[in-house]
Amino acid sequence: MNWYPESEETLLYRGRVSFATGRAAKVEGMRWFRDEGGRDIAAELPGWPRGPVYTPRSDVVAATNKVAGGLVKGVAAALAVAISAVSSANPDLPGGGGHATDPAHEVEDFPVLVAAPGTIARTLPYQLDPDRRPREQLTELVVTDRRLLVLGVDALGGLGGVEVLWEVPRTAVASVVKHAFGGGDLTLVFADGSRARLDVKDGVNTAIQLTWELCPAKRVELGELALKKLKLRAAKFEGFWESVVRDDGVAVAHQVKVINGKQYRTSIIFYVTKWVELPNA
């Protein structure tokens, strides 16, 4: 059986999500679960099965891997440039990968859950961890006008049904961080100070959407100048803009197209920092 919102509850988003994964050379493919002092707490999380124990790579190994990976990425980048040159995409707008804003937690380490005992983040389900969840299951984040949920769904699209693994009211979320490093990464900061870094599989546009929806303090108002500049660069259709500030202080925006009452977000990301006044959040 599928999951549906309650009567008079509005579904705003539903899509695949998991705990984020390290991207920098020393922590690539890794993640950690820590308390506020940096101690590993994976073994203390209630109901969690055992998972792999990671150790950051040495500088030498990381550098070697980076060189090897750079050769492959160089070829891919050349192809991307060629494709971009042919496409009509805005040349001001590269992808959402960005650079590490917090090297201590994105390059040297990669904690995806930071939580003191008894806090909300410790209640998140282990199925969000790709190293621990069953192979036949995927996890989805649901956002409504009332609450957030994590669903367990059949990875093969079969008859396994949908299981509600976790839920909290929206008031439990105090803030959201849209990360520059890893386009689809965002961190939910809960009201008790605990936090979790998630990888939104739908990518950077959805990360912007969720930050805009869940954290009004991170919204960026597009004034007359910004709208004038964007009008020259963006497609022309009925809709509106969602713009937020990332953790590196860069303001990003995308268009939301409205057709027959349904919203569709364009894939192009616009960098609008120089045209706006950033929020103090």
Protein backbone atom coordinates (compact mmCIF):
# COMPACT_ATOMS: atom_id res chain seq x y z
CA MET A 1 0.00 0.00 0.00
CA ASN A 2 1.26 3.45 -0.86
CA TRP A 3 1.45 6.48 1.45
CA TYR A 4 -0.94 9.42 1.13
CA PRO A 5 -1.27 12.65 3.10
CA GLU A 6 -4.11 13.03 5.54
CA SER A 7 -7.24 14.92 4.64
CA GLU A 8 -6.62 18.69 4.52
CA GLU A 9 -2.86 18.04 4.50
CA THR A 10 -0.91 19.32 1.47
CA LEU A 11 1.92 17.28 -0.02
CA LEU A 12 4.77 19.60 -1.04
CA TYR A 13 7.55 17.15 -1.88
CA ARG A 14 8.26 13.45 -2.03
CA GLY A 15 11.50 12.04 -3.39
CA ARG A 16 14.52 9.86 -2.75
CA VAL A 17 16.97 10.84 -0.05
CA SER A 18 19.77 9.30 2.00
CA PHE A 19 22.52 10.38 4.32
CA ALA A 20 25.10 12.32 2.31
CA THR A 21 28.42 10.82 1.26
CA GLY A 22 31.88 12.36 1.41
CA ARG A 23 33.22 13.77 -1.86
CA ALA A 24 36.67 15.10 -0.96
CA ALA A 25 39.57 12.74 -1.64
CA LYS A 26 40.28 11.82 2.01
CA VAL A 27 36.67 10.96 2.80
CA GLU A 28 35.19 10.03 -0.58
CA GLY A 29 32.50 7.37 -0.20
CA MET A 30 32.53 7.69 3.60
CA ARG A 31 30.34 9.15 6.33
CA TRP A 32 30.33 9.32 10.13
CA PHE A 33 27.78 9.70 12.92
CA ARG A 34 29.04 11.80 15.81
CA ASP A 35 28.10 13.57 19.00
CA GLU A 36 28.84 17.24 19.57
CA GLY A 37 32.35 16.39 20.78
CA GLY A 38 33.18 14.51 17.58
CA ARG A 39 32.90 11.03 19.10
CA ASP A 40 31.53 8.26 16.87
CA ILE A 41 28.06 7.25 18.08
CA ALA A 42 26.94 4.80 15.40
CA ALA A 43 27.07 1.90 17.87
CA GLU A 44 24.83 3.82 20.30
CA LEU A 45 21.98 4.61 17.94
CA PRO A 46 18.94 2.54 18.94
CA GLY A 47 18.04 -0.29 16.58
CA TRP A 48 20.88 0.39 14.16
CA PRO A 49 22.65 -2.65 12.70
CA ARG A 50 26.43 -2.69 12.49
CA GLY A 51 27.97 -0.91 9.55
CA PRO A 52 31.45 -0.35 8.12
CA VAL A 53 34.06 1.46 10.18
CA TYR A 54 35.70 4.15 8.08
CA THR A 55 39.10 5.80 8.46
CA PRO A 56 39.97 8.92 6.45
CA ARG A 57 42.63 8.28 3.82
CA SER A 58 46.13 9.60 4.32
CA ASP A 59 47.23 12.67 2.41
CA VAL A 60 49.41 10.49 0.15
CA VAL A 61 46.62 8.06 -0.74
CA ALA A 62 44.13 10.88 -1.17
CA ALA A 63 46.50 12.76 -3.47
CA THR A 64 47.13 9.62 -5.57
CA ASN A 65 43.41 8.95 -5.90
CA LYS A 66 42.80 12.58 -6.75
CA VAL A 67 45.30 12.48 -9.61
CA ALA A 68 43.81 9.28 -11.02
CA GLY A 69 40.30 10.59 -10.64
CA GLY A 70 41.31 13.90 -12.16
CA LEU A 71 42.29 12.22 -15.41
CA VAL A 72 38.85 10.65 -15.71
CA LYS A 73 37.07 13.83 -14.66
CA GLY A 74 39.15 15.82 -17.14
CA VAL A 75 37.75 13.81 -20.01
CA ALA A 76 34.23 14.14 -18.62
CA ALA A 77 34.69 17.88 -18.16
CA ALA A 78 35.83 18.29 -21.74
CA LEU A 79 32.71 16.50 -22.93
CA ALA A 80 30.55 18.64 -20.64
CA VAL A 81 32.08 21.83 -22.05
CA ALA A 82 31.39 20.65 -25.58
CA ILE A 83 27.79 19.85 -24.74
CA SER A 84 27.36 23.15 -22.93
CA ALA A 85 28.68 25.06 -25.93
CA VAL A 86 26.01 23.53 -28.11
CA SER A 87 23.19 23.92 -25.61
CA SER A 88 21.31 27.11 -24.81
CA ALA A 89 22.13 26.97 -21.11
CA ASN A 90 23.11 30.25 -19.49
CA PRO A 91 26.94 30.53 -19.56
CA ASP A 92 26.96 32.27 -16.17
CA LEU A 93 25.60 29.19 -14.48
CA PRO A 94 27.84 26.18 -13.87
CA GLY A 95 26.64 23.13 -11.95
CA GLY A 96 25.94 23.00 -8.24
CA GLY A 97 29.08 21.18 -7.13
CA GLY A 98 30.82 24.12 -5.43
CA HIS A 99 33.84 24.03 -3.13
CA ALA A 100 34.15 22.90 0.47
CA THR A 101 32.93 25.65 2.80
CA ASP A 102 33.86 23.80 6.01
CA PRO A 103 37.08 21.82 5.33
CA ALA A 104 37.15 20.31 8.82
CA HIS A 105 33.79 18.64 8.20
CA GLU A 106 33.84 18.22 4.42
CA VAL A 107 37.49 17.44 3.58
CA GLU A 108 39.16 16.04 6.71
CA ASP A 109 36.00 14.45 8.13
CA PHE A 110 32.43 14.01 6.96
CA PRO A 111 29.87 13.77 9.79
CA VAL A 112 26.34 13.40 8.45
CA LEU A 113 24.70 13.22 11.84
CA VAL A 114 25.73 15.33 14.84
CA ALA A 115 23.57 14.72 17.88
CA ALA A 116 23.75 14.78 21.65
CA PRO A 117 21.94 12.04 23.61
CA GLY A 118 18.15 12.33 23.48
CA THR A 119 18.03 14.65 20.49
CA ILE A 120 15.88 14.40 17.38
CA ALA A 121 18.62 13.52 14.91
CA ARG A 122 19.34 10.33 16.89
CA THR A 123 15.83 9.12 16.06
CA LEU A 124 16.43 9.14 12.30
CA PRO A 125 16.15 5.65 10.78
CA TYR A 126 19.22 3.61 9.90
CA GLN A 127 17.69 2.95 6.48
CA LEU A 128 18.86 6.44 5.45
CA ASP A 129 22.40 5.03 5.52
CA PRO A 130 23.19 3.31 2.19
CA ASP A 131 25.64 1.04 4.05
CA ARG A 132 22.99 -0.26 6.45
CA ARG A 133 19.63 -0.36 4.72
CA PRO A 134 18.41 -3.55 3.02
CA ARG A 135 19.26 -3.77 -0.67
CA GLU A 136 15.61 -4.13 -1.57
CA GLN A 137 14.66 -0.85 0.11
CA LEU A 138 15.06 2.83 -0.73
CA THR A 139 14.22 5.84 1.40
CA GLU A 140 12.12 8.85 0.49
CA LEU A 141 11.67 12.19 2.20
CA VAL A 142 8.15 13.56 2.39
CA VAL A 143 7.45 17.21 3.19
CA THR A 144 3.91 18.43 3.76
CA ASP A 145 2.52 21.63 5.21
CA ARG A 146 2.40 19.86 8.60
CA ARG A 147 5.31 17.44 8.92
CA LEU A 148 8.39 15.67 7.56
CA LEU A 149 8.48 11.92 7.08
CA VAL A 150 10.96 9.31 5.92
CA LEU A 151 9.42 6.41 4.03
CA GLY A 152 10.89 3.01 3.24
CA VAL A 153 9.90 1.92 -0.25
CA ASP A 154 10.46 -1.17 -2.38
CA ALA A 155 13.61 -0.56 -4.46
CA LEU A 156 12.30 -2.77 -7.25
CA GLY A 157 8.91 -1.11 -7.41
CA GLY A 158 7.19 -4.32 -6.42
CA LEU A 159 4.47 -5.08 -3.92
CA GLY A 160 6.59 -4.57 -0.84
CA GLY A 161 4.51 -1.61 0.20
CA VAL A 162 5.54 1.63 1.87
CA GLU A 163 6.60 1.89 5.50
CA VAL A 164 6.68 5.08 7.55
CA LEU A 165 10.10 4.94 9.20
CA TRP A 166 10.14 8.34 10.89
CA GLU A 167 8.19 11.55 11.18
CA VAL A 168 8.31 14.88 12.99
CA PRO A 169 6.20 18.04 12.86
CA ARG A 170 7.62 20.86 10.78
CA THR A 171 8.18 22.84 13.97
CA ALA A 172 10.95 20.35 14.82
CA VAL A 173 13.08 21.84 12.03
CA ALA A 174 14.74 25.09 13.12
CA SER A 175 16.85 25.72 10.03
CA VAL A 176 18.13 24.26 6.78
CA VAL A 177 21.61 24.61 5.29
CA LYS A 178 21.95 24.43 1.51
CA HIS A 179 25.52 23.25 0.98
CA ALA A 180 27.67 24.54 -1.85
CA PHE A 181 29.81 21.38 -1.77
CA GLY A 182 27.72 18.64 -3.34
CA GLY A 183 24.82 20.19 -5.18
CA GLY A 184 22.07 18.04 -3.69
CA ASP A 185 23.31 18.14 -0.09
CA LEU A 186 21.39 19.94 2.61
CA THR A 187 21.46 19.81 6.38
CA LEU A 188 18.36 19.75 8.55
CA VAL A 189 19.05 21.57 11.80
CA PHE A 190 16.53 20.55 14.41
CA ALA A 191 15.11 22.70 17.19
CA ASP A 192 17.27 20.95 19.80
CA GLY A 193 20.49 21.71 17.89
CA SER A 194 21.06 18.24 16.46
CA ARG A 195 21.47 17.99 12.70
CA ALA A 196 21.63 15.62 9.77
CA ARG A 197 23.20 16.09 6.34
CA LEU A 198 21.16 14.52 3.56
CA ASP A 199 21.73 13.85 -0.11
CA VAL A 200 18.62 14.80 -2.06
CA LYS A 201 18.69 12.51 -5.07
CA ASP A 202 16.61 14.87 -7.21
CA GLY A 203 19.57 17.23 -7.14
CA VAL A 204 20.39 20.86 -6.53
CA ASN A 205 17.05 22.27 -7.65
CA THR A 206 15.17 20.21 -5.09
CA ALA A 207 17.69 21.17 -2.41
CA ILE A 208 16.94 24.82 -3.21
CA GLN A 209 13.20 24.10 -3.14
CA LEU A 210 13.35 22.41 0.27
CA THR A 211 15.57 25.10 1.77
CA TRP A 212 13.18 27.77 0.50
CA GLU A 213 10.15 25.89 1.82
CA LEU A 214 11.48 24.84 5.23
CA CYS A 215 13.68 27.81 6.13
CA PRO A 216 12.21 31.22 5.29
CA ALA A 217 15.23 32.86 6.94
CA LYS A 218 17.42 31.60 4.08
CA ARG A 219 15.19 33.02 1.36
CA VAL A 220 16.64 35.75 -0.80
CA GLU A 221 14.33 38.51 -2.00
CA LEU A 222 14.79 39.25 -5.67
CA GLY A 223 14.40 42.99 -6.10
CA GLU A 224 13.93 45.10 -9.18
CA LEU A 225 17.56 44.86 -10.29
CA ALA A 226 17.75 41.09 -9.91
CA LEU A 227 14.48 40.52 -11.72
CA LYS A 228 15.57 42.82 -14.54
CA LYS A 229 18.86 40.93 -14.96
CA LEU A 230 17.14 37.55 -14.79
CA LYS A 231 14.53 38.58 -17.31
CA LEU A 232 17.31 38.91 -19.89
CA ARG A 233 18.65 35.44 -19.13
CA ALA A 234 15.69 33.28 -18.17
CA ALA A 235 12.91 31.62 -20.10
CA LYS A 236 9.66 33.56 -20.25
CA PHE A 237 6.64 31.82 -18.75
CA GLU A 238 4.13 32.22 -15.97
CA GLY A 239 5.57 31.39 -12.58
CA PHE A 240 7.81 32.68 -9.81
CA TRP A 241 11.34 32.42 -8.39
CA GLU A 242 12.82 30.53 -5.46
CA SER A 243 16.13 31.93 -4.25
CA VAL A 244 18.18 30.99 -1.19
CA VAL A 245 21.63 31.64 0.22
CA ARG A 246 24.07 28.72 0.44
CA ASP A 247 26.52 28.09 3.25
CA ASP A 248 29.27 29.83 1.25
CA GLY A 249 27.27 33.06 1.11
CA VAL A 250 26.32 32.65 -2.55
CA ALA A 251 22.71 33.32 -3.51
CA VAL A 252 21.24 30.88 -6.01
CA ALA A 253 17.86 30.95 -7.72
CA HIS A 254 15.72 28.96 -10.10
CA GLN A 255 12.41 29.48 -11.85
CA VAL A 256 9.22 27.72 -10.90
CA LYS A 257 6.88 27.24 -13.81
CA VAL A 258 3.15 26.98 -13.01
CA ILE A 259 1.00 25.02 -15.45
CA ASN A 260 -2.61 24.19 -14.62
CA GLY A 261 -1.88 24.79 -10.96
CA LYS A 262 1.13 22.42 -10.87
CA GLN A 263 4.69 23.56 -10.23
CA TYR A 264 7.69 22.60 -12.37
CA ARG A 265 11.20 23.76 -11.49
CA THR A 266 13.62 24.56 -14.28
CA SER A 267 17.01 22.87 -14.22
CA ILE A 268 19.13 25.99 -14.70
CA ILE A 269 20.59 27.54 -11.56
CA PHE A 270 21.19 31.30 -11.55
CA TYR A 271 23.84 32.91 -9.37
CA VAL A 272 22.35 36.19 -8.19
CA THR A 273 24.55 37.32 -5.29
CA LYS A 274 25.74 40.53 -6.94
CA TRP A 275 22.16 41.67 -7.57
CA VAL A 276 20.59 41.07 -4.16
CA GLU A 277 20.81 41.85 -0.47
CA LEU A 278 21.60 38.69 1.45
CA PRO A 279 19.61 37.70 4.56
CA ASN A 280 21.33 37.77 7.94
CA ALA A 281 20.46 34.13 8.70
